[in-house]
Amino acid sequence: MKKFAVILMVLCLALSMAAMAEETGIAIENEPAYEGQYVTIGETGLCFYLPNDWTATEAPEGVVGEVYVSPDGQTVLTVTTGEGSLNEVLEQYKQAVQDGSFKESNVVNINGLDWVMSTTADNLQNYAQCQMDEATILSFVFVVADASMDVGETELQMLGSLAAAE
């Protein structure tokens, strides 16, 4: 019953946030094209499909969440939750784009779930955040070692694989 409630909450939030995605017109349908395994996200009742060649590592001091590293060590993913609303996050990022600390911020619908996608001005941090429930946001933060790197298909497929944990 608990799993059903989590699925229902995620579905309701995805439907209620659909209007934001319509504003940007960005929608992605994807399925992971890599071999991997589902890993749970803390106590959220959710999981995502992590590539087999990514490894879990201990979070550095001051970092809250679960941390994973790409096989070449060039990308570090932190998955965490926090309080807030996706609309508030979007407004904060729009302000950050205006003040120059972020270069872009968009709402992207991935497999029916709206994500606020934002990139820092130095192109080293890429944030993807979605609404879990009325007061909780799920964040995937991809930190890259080289500013010429972009969030690629694998990272988008990780976001698209978000599901209720079994």
N, C-alpha and C. Protein backbone atom coordinates (compact mmCIF):
# COMPACT_ATOMS: atom_id res chain seq x y z
N MET A 1 0.82 -1.18 0.00
CA MET A 1 0.00 0.00 0.00
C MET A 1 0.87 1.25 0.00
N LYS A 2 1.99 1.21 0.75
CA LYS A 2 2.89 2.35 0.83
C LYS A 2 3.48 2.66 -0.55
N LYS A 3 3.87 1.61 -1.30
CA LYS A 3 4.41 1.80 -2.65
C LYS A 3 3.38 2.44 -3.56
N PHE A 4 2.14 1.99 -3.44
CA PHE A 4 1.07 2.55 -4.26
C PHE A 4 0.89 4.03 -3.96
N ALA A 5 0.96 4.39 -2.68
CA ALA A 5 0.80 5.80 -2.29
C ALA A 5 1.93 6.64 -2.87
N VAL A 6 3.16 6.13 -2.85
CA VAL A 6 4.30 6.87 -3.42
C VAL A 6 4.11 7.05 -4.92
N ILE A 7 3.72 5.98 -5.60
CA ILE A 7 3.49 6.07 -7.04
C ILE A 7 2.39 7.07 -7.34
N LEU A 8 1.32 7.02 -6.57
CA LEU A 8 0.20 7.93 -6.78
C LEU A 8 0.62 9.38 -6.55
N MET A 9 1.42 9.64 -5.50
CA MET A 9 1.89 11.01 -5.24
C MET A 9 2.76 11.52 -6.38
N VAL A 10 3.70 10.69 -6.85
CA VAL A 10 4.58 11.10 -7.95
C VAL A 10 3.76 11.38 -9.20
N LEU A 11 2.80 10.52 -9.49
CA LEU A 11 1.94 10.71 -10.67
C LEU A 11 1.13 11.99 -10.55
N CYS A 12 0.53 12.24 -9.40
CA CYS A 12 -0.27 13.46 -9.21
C CYS A 12 0.59 14.71 -9.37
N LEU A 13 1.78 14.68 -8.79
CA LEU A 13 2.65 15.84 -8.91
C LEU A 13 3.10 16.04 -10.34
N ALA A 14 3.38 14.94 -11.04
CA ALA A 14 3.79 15.06 -12.44
C ALA A 14 2.68 15.69 -13.27
N LEU A 15 1.46 15.27 -13.03
CA LEU A 15 0.33 15.83 -13.78
C LEU A 15 0.10 17.29 -13.43
N SER A 16 0.24 17.64 -12.15
CA SER A 16 -0.01 19.01 -11.74
C SER A 16 1.07 19.96 -12.24
N MET A 17 2.27 19.45 -12.49
CA MET A 17 3.37 20.29 -12.95
C MET A 17 3.47 20.34 -14.47
N ALA A 18 2.61 19.63 -15.18
CA ALA A 18 2.69 19.54 -16.64
C ALA A 18 2.60 20.90 -17.31
N ALA A 19 1.89 21.82 -16.73
CA ALA A 19 1.76 23.15 -17.32
C ALA A 19 3.11 23.84 -17.44
N MET A 20 4.00 23.63 -16.47
CA MET A 20 5.32 24.25 -16.55
C MET A 20 6.09 23.73 -17.75
N ALA A 21 6.01 22.43 -18.02
CA ALA A 21 6.74 21.86 -19.14
C ALA A 21 6.17 22.36 -20.46
N GLU A 22 4.87 22.60 -20.50
CA GLU A 22 4.26 23.11 -21.72
C GLU A 22 4.82 24.48 -22.07
N GLU A 23 5.21 25.27 -21.06
CA GLU A 23 5.78 26.58 -21.32
C GLU A 23 7.08 26.48 -22.11
N THR A 24 7.91 25.49 -21.82
CA THR A 24 9.19 25.36 -22.49
C THR A 24 9.11 24.50 -23.74
N GLY A 25 8.15 23.61 -23.78
CA GLY A 25 8.01 22.73 -24.93
C GLY A 25 9.05 21.63 -24.98
N ILE A 26 9.80 21.41 -23.90
CA ILE A 26 10.84 20.38 -23.89
C ILE A 26 10.29 19.13 -23.24
N ALA A 27 10.26 18.03 -23.99
CA ALA A 27 9.80 16.75 -23.46
C ALA A 27 10.70 15.65 -24.00
N ILE A 28 11.08 14.75 -23.13
CA ILE A 28 11.98 13.65 -23.51
C ILE A 28 11.36 12.34 -23.06
N GLU A 29 11.31 11.38 -23.94
CA GLU A 29 10.93 10.02 -23.58
C GLU A 29 12.19 9.18 -23.73
N ASN A 30 12.56 8.47 -22.70
CA ASN A 30 13.75 7.63 -22.82
C ASN A 30 13.68 6.42 -21.92
N GLU A 31 14.49 5.47 -22.25
CA GLU A 31 14.71 4.27 -21.43
C GLU A 31 16.21 4.06 -21.39
N PRO A 32 16.73 3.57 -20.27
CA PRO A 32 18.17 3.35 -20.19
C PRO A 32 18.67 2.42 -21.29
N ALA A 33 19.76 2.83 -21.93
CA ALA A 33 20.39 2.04 -22.99
C ALA A 33 21.68 1.41 -22.47
N TYR A 34 21.81 1.32 -21.16
CA TYR A 34 23.02 0.78 -20.55
C TYR A 34 22.63 -0.35 -19.61
N GLU A 35 23.60 -1.18 -19.29
CA GLU A 35 23.41 -2.23 -18.28
C GLU A 35 23.56 -1.59 -16.91
N GLY A 36 22.66 -1.93 -16.01
CA GLY A 36 22.75 -1.33 -14.69
C GLY A 36 21.90 -2.06 -13.68
N GLN A 37 21.65 -1.38 -12.58
CA GLN A 37 20.83 -1.94 -11.52
C GLN A 37 20.09 -0.80 -10.83
N TYR A 38 18.92 -1.11 -10.31
CA TYR A 38 18.15 -0.12 -9.57
C TYR A 38 18.76 0.05 -8.19
N VAL A 39 18.95 1.30 -7.79
CA VAL A 39 19.43 1.61 -6.44
C VAL A 39 18.40 2.50 -5.76
N THR A 40 18.16 2.23 -4.50
CA THR A 40 17.16 3.01 -3.77
C THR A 40 17.75 4.36 -3.36
N ILE A 41 16.86 5.32 -3.22
CA ILE A 41 17.27 6.68 -2.84
C ILE A 41 16.85 6.89 -1.39
N GLY A 42 17.78 6.60 -0.49
CA GLY A 42 17.53 6.79 0.94
C GLY A 42 16.22 6.19 1.39
N GLU A 43 15.46 6.96 2.14
CA GLU A 43 14.17 6.53 2.68
C GLU A 43 12.99 7.05 1.86
N THR A 44 13.24 7.43 0.60
CA THR A 44 12.20 8.07 -0.21
C THR A 44 11.15 7.11 -0.77
N GLY A 45 11.48 5.83 -0.83
CA GLY A 45 10.58 4.88 -1.49
C GLY A 45 10.75 4.89 -2.99
N LEU A 46 11.79 5.58 -3.48
CA LEU A 46 12.07 5.66 -4.91
C LEU A 46 13.42 5.04 -5.22
N CYS A 47 13.62 4.73 -6.49
CA CYS A 47 14.90 4.20 -6.95
C CYS A 47 15.15 4.72 -8.37
N PHE A 48 16.38 4.56 -8.83
CA PHE A 48 16.72 4.89 -10.22
C PHE A 48 17.72 3.86 -10.72
N TYR A 49 17.86 3.80 -12.05
CA TYR A 49 18.69 2.79 -12.70
C TYR A 49 20.10 3.35 -12.88
N LEU A 50 21.04 2.85 -12.08
CA LEU A 50 22.42 3.31 -12.10
C LEU A 50 23.25 2.39 -13.01
N PRO A 51 24.05 2.96 -13.92
CA PRO A 51 24.89 2.11 -14.77
C PRO A 51 25.82 1.24 -13.93
N ASN A 52 26.06 0.01 -14.38
CA ASN A 52 26.92 -0.92 -13.65
C ASN A 52 28.33 -0.39 -13.45
N ASP A 53 28.81 0.46 -14.38
CA ASP A 53 30.19 0.93 -14.26
C ASP A 53 30.34 2.19 -13.40
N TRP A 54 29.24 2.70 -12.86
CA TRP A 54 29.31 3.80 -11.89
C TRP A 54 29.45 3.18 -10.50
N THR A 55 30.19 3.83 -9.62
CA THR A 55 30.40 3.27 -8.28
C THR A 55 29.89 4.23 -7.20
N ALA A 56 29.34 3.63 -6.16
CA ALA A 56 28.94 4.41 -4.99
C ALA A 56 30.19 4.76 -4.21
N THR A 57 30.20 5.95 -3.64
CA THR A 57 31.34 6.37 -2.84
C THR A 57 30.82 7.13 -1.63
N GLU A 58 31.66 7.26 -0.64
CA GLU A 58 31.26 7.98 0.58
C GLU A 58 31.15 9.47 0.28
N ALA A 59 30.10 10.07 0.79
CA ALA A 59 29.91 11.51 0.58
C ALA A 59 31.00 12.29 1.31
N PRO A 60 31.57 13.28 0.64
CA PRO A 60 32.57 14.12 1.31
C PRO A 60 31.95 14.89 2.47
N GLU A 61 32.77 15.34 3.38
CA GLU A 61 32.28 16.11 4.52
C GLU A 61 31.49 17.32 4.02
N GLY A 62 30.33 17.53 4.61
CA GLY A 62 29.49 18.65 4.24
C GLY A 62 28.50 18.35 3.12
N VAL A 63 28.60 17.18 2.50
CA VAL A 63 27.68 16.80 1.43
C VAL A 63 26.66 15.82 1.99
N VAL A 64 25.39 16.14 1.80
CA VAL A 64 24.31 15.27 2.26
C VAL A 64 23.74 14.56 1.05
N GLY A 65 23.62 13.25 1.13
CA GLY A 65 23.05 12.49 0.04
C GLY A 65 23.91 11.30 -0.34
N GLU A 66 23.46 10.65 -1.39
CA GLU A 66 24.18 9.50 -1.91
C GLU A 66 25.03 9.95 -3.09
N VAL A 67 26.28 9.46 -3.15
CA VAL A 67 27.23 9.94 -4.15
C VAL A 67 27.70 8.77 -5.01
N TYR A 68 27.73 9.02 -6.33
CA TYR A 68 28.16 8.03 -7.31
C TYR A 68 29.16 8.68 -8.26
N VAL A 69 30.12 7.87 -8.74
CA VAL A 69 31.17 8.38 -9.62
C VAL A 69 31.16 7.60 -10.93
N SER A 70 31.31 8.32 -12.05
CA SER A 70 31.37 7.68 -13.36
C SER A 70 32.66 6.88 -13.47
N PRO A 71 32.73 5.93 -14.42
CA PRO A 71 33.91 5.07 -14.50
C PRO A 71 35.21 5.82 -14.78
N ASP A 72 35.14 6.94 -15.51
CA ASP A 72 36.36 7.70 -15.79
C ASP A 72 36.66 8.74 -14.71
N GLY A 73 35.79 8.84 -13.70
CA GLY A 73 35.99 9.78 -12.61
C GLY A 73 35.70 11.22 -12.99
N GLN A 74 35.19 11.46 -14.18
CA GLN A 74 34.96 12.82 -14.67
C GLN A 74 33.62 13.40 -14.24
N THR A 75 32.68 12.54 -13.81
CA THR A 75 31.37 13.01 -13.39
C THR A 75 31.03 12.41 -12.03
N VAL A 76 30.58 13.26 -11.11
CA VAL A 76 30.14 12.83 -9.80
C VAL A 76 28.67 13.20 -9.67
N LEU A 77 27.86 12.24 -9.25
CA LEU A 77 26.43 12.45 -9.06
C LEU A 77 26.11 12.40 -7.57
N THR A 78 25.42 13.42 -7.09
CA THR A 78 24.89 13.41 -5.72
C THR A 78 23.38 13.42 -5.82
N VAL A 79 22.73 12.50 -5.12
CA VAL A 79 21.28 12.42 -5.08
C VAL A 79 20.85 12.73 -3.66
N THR A 80 19.97 13.71 -3.52
CA THR A 80 19.55 14.13 -2.19
C THR A 80 18.12 14.67 -2.23
N THR A 81 17.55 14.87 -1.07
CA THR A 81 16.22 15.47 -0.97
C THR A 81 16.30 16.70 -0.08
N GLY A 82 15.32 17.57 -0.25
CA GLY A 82 15.25 18.76 0.59
C GLY A 82 13.85 19.33 0.58
N GLU A 83 13.61 20.26 1.46
CA GLU A 83 12.29 20.88 1.54
C GLU A 83 12.15 21.96 0.48
N GLY A 84 10.92 22.13 -0.01
CA GLY A 84 10.66 23.20 -0.96
C GLY A 84 9.67 22.80 -2.02
N SER A 85 9.43 23.75 -2.93
CA SER A 85 8.54 23.47 -4.05
C SER A 85 9.30 23.72 -5.34
N LEU A 86 8.93 23.00 -6.37
CA LEU A 86 9.59 23.13 -7.66
C LEU A 86 9.39 24.53 -8.23
N ASN A 87 8.24 25.13 -7.99
CA ASN A 87 8.01 26.49 -8.48
C ASN A 87 8.99 27.47 -7.82
N GLU A 88 9.24 27.32 -6.53
CA GLU A 88 10.19 28.18 -5.83
C GLU A 88 11.60 27.98 -6.40
N VAL A 89 11.97 26.72 -6.64
CA VAL A 89 13.28 26.42 -7.20
C VAL A 89 13.44 27.07 -8.56
N LEU A 90 12.42 26.94 -9.39
CA LEU A 90 12.47 27.52 -10.73
C LEU A 90 12.65 29.04 -10.65
N GLU A 91 11.96 29.69 -9.75
CA GLU A 91 12.10 31.15 -9.60
C GLU A 91 13.50 31.52 -9.12
N GLN A 92 14.06 30.73 -8.19
CA GLN A 92 15.42 31.00 -7.70
C GLN A 92 16.43 30.86 -8.83
N TYR A 93 16.25 29.84 -9.67
CA TYR A 93 17.19 29.64 -10.77
C TYR A 93 17.03 30.71 -11.84
N LYS A 94 15.80 31.15 -12.08
CA LYS A 94 15.61 32.25 -13.05
C LYS A 94 16.37 33.49 -12.57
N GLN A 95 16.32 33.76 -11.26
CA GLN A 95 17.05 34.89 -10.70
C GLN A 95 18.56 34.66 -10.85
N ALA A 96 19.01 33.45 -10.62
CA ALA A 96 20.43 33.14 -10.75
C ALA A 96 20.91 33.30 -12.20
N VAL A 97 20.05 33.00 -13.16
CA VAL A 97 20.39 33.22 -14.57
C VAL A 97 20.54 34.72 -14.81
N GLN A 98 19.62 35.50 -14.26
CA GLN A 98 19.68 36.96 -14.44
C GLN A 98 20.93 37.57 -13.80
N ASP A 99 21.34 37.04 -12.64
CA ASP A 99 22.53 37.62 -11.99
C ASP A 99 23.84 37.02 -12.50
N GLY A 100 23.74 36.04 -13.39
CA GLY A 100 24.93 35.50 -14.03
C GLY A 100 25.57 34.30 -13.36
N SER A 101 25.04 33.82 -12.24
CA SER A 101 25.65 32.67 -11.58
C SER A 101 25.23 31.34 -12.23
N PHE A 102 24.12 31.35 -12.98
CA PHE A 102 23.70 30.19 -13.76
C PHE A 102 23.55 30.63 -15.20
N LYS A 103 23.86 29.70 -16.13
CA LYS A 103 23.75 30.09 -17.54
C LYS A 103 22.38 29.75 -18.12
N GLU A 104 21.70 28.77 -17.53
CA GLU A 104 20.38 28.41 -18.05
C GLU A 104 19.59 27.66 -16.99
N SER A 105 18.26 27.69 -17.17
CA SER A 105 17.36 26.94 -16.32
C SER A 105 16.09 26.69 -17.12
N ASN A 106 15.72 25.41 -17.23
CA ASN A 106 14.55 25.04 -18.01
C ASN A 106 13.75 23.96 -17.29
N VAL A 107 12.48 23.90 -17.62
CA VAL A 107 11.67 22.78 -17.18
C VAL A 107 11.67 21.76 -18.31
N VAL A 108 12.05 20.54 -17.97
CA VAL A 108 12.11 19.46 -18.95
C VAL A 108 11.25 18.32 -18.44
N ASN A 109 10.37 17.83 -19.29
CA ASN A 109 9.52 16.72 -18.93
C ASN A 109 10.20 15.45 -19.44
N ILE A 110 10.58 14.58 -18.50
CA ILE A 110 11.25 13.33 -18.85
C ILE A 110 10.34 12.18 -18.43
N ASN A 111 9.86 11.45 -19.42
CA ASN A 111 8.96 10.32 -19.18
C ASN A 111 7.76 10.71 -18.31
N GLY A 112 7.24 11.91 -18.54
CA GLY A 112 6.03 12.34 -17.85
C GLY A 112 6.25 13.03 -16.52
N LEU A 113 7.50 13.21 -16.09
CA LEU A 113 7.79 13.87 -14.83
C LEU A 113 8.57 15.15 -15.10
N ASP A 114 8.11 16.26 -14.54
CA ASP A 114 8.78 17.55 -14.76
C ASP A 114 10.01 17.68 -13.87
N TRP A 115 11.10 18.10 -14.50
CA TRP A 115 12.36 18.36 -13.82
C TRP A 115 12.77 19.80 -14.13
N VAL A 116 13.25 20.52 -13.12
CA VAL A 116 13.90 21.80 -13.36
C VAL A 116 15.37 21.47 -13.58
N MET A 117 15.86 21.80 -14.77
CA MET A 117 17.25 21.52 -15.16
C MET A 117 18.00 22.85 -15.21
N SER A 118 19.11 22.93 -14.48
CA SER A 118 19.87 24.18 -14.40
C SER A 118 21.35 23.89 -14.47
N THR A 119 22.09 24.82 -15.06
CA THR A 119 23.53 24.68 -15.21
C THR A 119 24.21 25.94 -14.71
N THR A 120 25.27 25.77 -13.90
CA THR A 120 26.00 26.92 -13.39
C THR A 120 26.74 27.62 -14.53
N ALA A 121 27.07 28.88 -14.31
CA ALA A 121 27.73 29.69 -15.34
C ALA A 121 29.07 29.09 -15.76
N ASP A 122 29.76 28.42 -14.84
CA ASP A 122 31.05 27.82 -15.19
C ASP A 122 30.90 26.45 -15.85
N ASN A 123 29.65 26.00 -16.02
CA ASN A 123 29.32 24.74 -16.70
C ASN A 123 29.84 23.51 -15.97
N LEU A 124 30.15 23.62 -14.67
CA LEU A 124 30.69 22.49 -13.93
C LEU A 124 29.65 21.75 -13.09
N GLN A 125 28.50 22.38 -12.85
CA GLN A 125 27.45 21.74 -12.05
C GLN A 125 26.13 21.80 -12.81
N ASN A 126 25.49 20.64 -12.89
CA ASN A 126 24.19 20.52 -13.56
C ASN A 126 23.20 19.96 -12.56
N TYR A 127 22.13 20.72 -12.32
CA TYR A 127 21.12 20.35 -11.34
C TYR A 127 19.87 19.86 -12.05
N ALA A 128 19.28 18.79 -11.53
CA ALA A 128 17.98 18.31 -12.01
C ALA A 128 17.14 18.05 -10.76
N GLN A 129 16.00 18.72 -10.69
CA GLN A 129 15.18 18.62 -9.49
C GLN A 129 13.72 18.39 -9.86
N CYS A 130 13.07 17.49 -9.10
CA CYS A 130 11.65 17.23 -9.31
C CYS A 130 10.94 17.24 -7.96
N GLN A 131 9.64 17.42 -8.02
CA GLN A 131 8.82 17.48 -6.80
C GLN A 131 8.44 16.06 -6.40
N MET A 132 8.77 15.66 -5.16
CA MET A 132 8.41 14.33 -4.66
C MET A 132 7.03 14.32 -4.03
N ASP A 133 6.77 15.31 -3.20
CA ASP A 133 5.47 15.49 -2.58
C ASP A 133 5.30 16.99 -2.38
N GLU A 134 4.27 17.41 -1.68
CA GLU A 134 3.98 18.84 -1.57
C GLU A 134 5.13 19.67 -1.03
N ALA A 135 5.96 19.08 -0.19
CA ALA A 135 7.00 19.87 0.47
C ALA A 135 8.42 19.34 0.27
N THR A 136 8.61 18.35 -0.60
CA THR A 136 9.93 17.73 -0.74
C THR A 136 10.36 17.69 -2.20
N ILE A 137 11.61 18.07 -2.41
CA ILE A 137 12.22 18.06 -3.74
C ILE A 137 13.32 17.01 -3.78
N LEU A 138 13.37 16.28 -4.88
CA LEU A 138 14.45 15.32 -5.14
C LEU A 138 15.44 15.99 -6.07
N SER A 139 16.72 15.95 -5.71
CA SER A 139 17.77 16.60 -6.51
C SER A 139 18.81 15.60 -6.97
N PHE A 140 19.13 15.67 -8.26
CA PHE A 140 20.26 14.97 -8.84
C PHE A 140 21.24 16.07 -9.24
N VAL A 141 22.44 16.07 -8.68
CA VAL A 141 23.43 17.09 -9.00
C VAL A 141 24.62 16.38 -9.65
N PHE A 142 24.86 16.74 -10.92
CA PHE A 142 25.97 16.18 -11.68
C PHE A 142 27.09 17.22 -11.70
N VAL A 143 28.24 16.87 -11.14
CA VAL A 143 29.40 17.76 -11.14
C VAL A 143 30.43 17.14 -12.08
N VAL A 144 30.86 17.94 -13.06
CA VAL A 144 31.81 17.44 -14.06
C VAL A 144 33.18 18.05 -13.83
N ALA A 145 34.23 17.34 -14.23
CA ALA A 145 35.60 17.79 -14.02
C ALA A 145 36.04 18.80 -15.07
N ASP A 146 35.37 18.82 -16.22
CA ASP A 146 35.76 19.66 -17.34
C ASP A 146 34.55 20.45 -17.82
N ALA A 147 34.70 21.75 -17.90
CA ALA A 147 33.59 22.62 -18.29
C ALA A 147 33.08 22.36 -19.71
N SER A 148 33.85 21.67 -20.52
CA SER A 148 33.40 21.37 -21.89
C SER A 148 32.44 20.18 -21.94
N MET A 149 32.29 19.48 -20.80
CA MET A 149 31.39 18.33 -20.75
C MET A 149 29.96 18.80 -20.51
N ASP A 150 29.01 18.15 -21.16
CA ASP A 150 27.60 18.42 -20.94
C ASP A 150 26.96 17.20 -20.30
N VAL A 151 25.78 17.42 -19.70
CA VAL A 151 25.01 16.28 -19.23
C VAL A 151 24.61 15.49 -20.46
N GLY A 152 24.95 14.22 -20.48
CA GLY A 152 24.71 13.40 -21.67
C GLY A 152 23.49 12.52 -21.55
N GLU A 153 23.37 11.64 -22.52
CA GLU A 153 22.22 10.72 -22.57
C GLU A 153 22.15 9.83 -21.34
N THR A 154 23.29 9.34 -20.88
CA THR A 154 23.27 8.44 -19.72
C THR A 154 22.65 9.14 -18.52
N GLU A 155 23.04 10.39 -18.29
CA GLU A 155 22.51 11.13 -17.15
C GLU A 155 21.01 11.36 -17.30
N LEU A 156 20.56 11.73 -18.51
CA LEU A 156 19.12 11.92 -18.75
C LEU A 156 18.37 10.60 -18.57
N GLN A 157 18.97 9.50 -18.97
CA GLN A 157 18.33 8.20 -18.81
C GLN A 157 18.22 7.82 -17.34
N MET A 158 19.19 8.22 -16.53
CA MET A 158 19.09 7.99 -15.08
C MET A 158 17.86 8.70 -14.53
N LEU A 159 17.67 9.96 -14.93
CA LEU A 159 16.51 10.73 -14.47
C LEU A 159 15.21 10.06 -14.93
N GLY A 160 15.19 9.60 -16.17
CA GLY A 160 14.00 8.96 -16.71
C GLY A 160 13.68 7.62 -16.11
N SER A 161 14.65 7.03 -15.41
CA SER A 161 14.43 5.71 -14.82
C SER A 161 13.82 5.77 -13.42
N LEU A 162 13.58 6.96 -12.90
CA LEU A 162 13.04 7.11 -11.55
C LEU A 162 11.75 6.30 -11.40
N ALA A 163 11.69 5.49 -10.36
CA ALA A 163 10.53 4.61 -10.16
C ALA A 163 10.34 4.36 -8.66
N ALA A 164 9.20 3.79 -8.33
CA ALA A 164 8.94 3.38 -6.95
C ALA A 164 9.82 2.17 -6.64
N ALA A 165 10.46 2.18 -5.47
CA ALA A 165 11.30 1.06 -5.06
C ALA A 165 10.41 -0.14 -4.71
N GLU A 166 10.91 -1.31 -4.99
CA GLU A 166 10.14 -2.52 -4.69
C GLU A 166 10.49 -3.07 -3.34
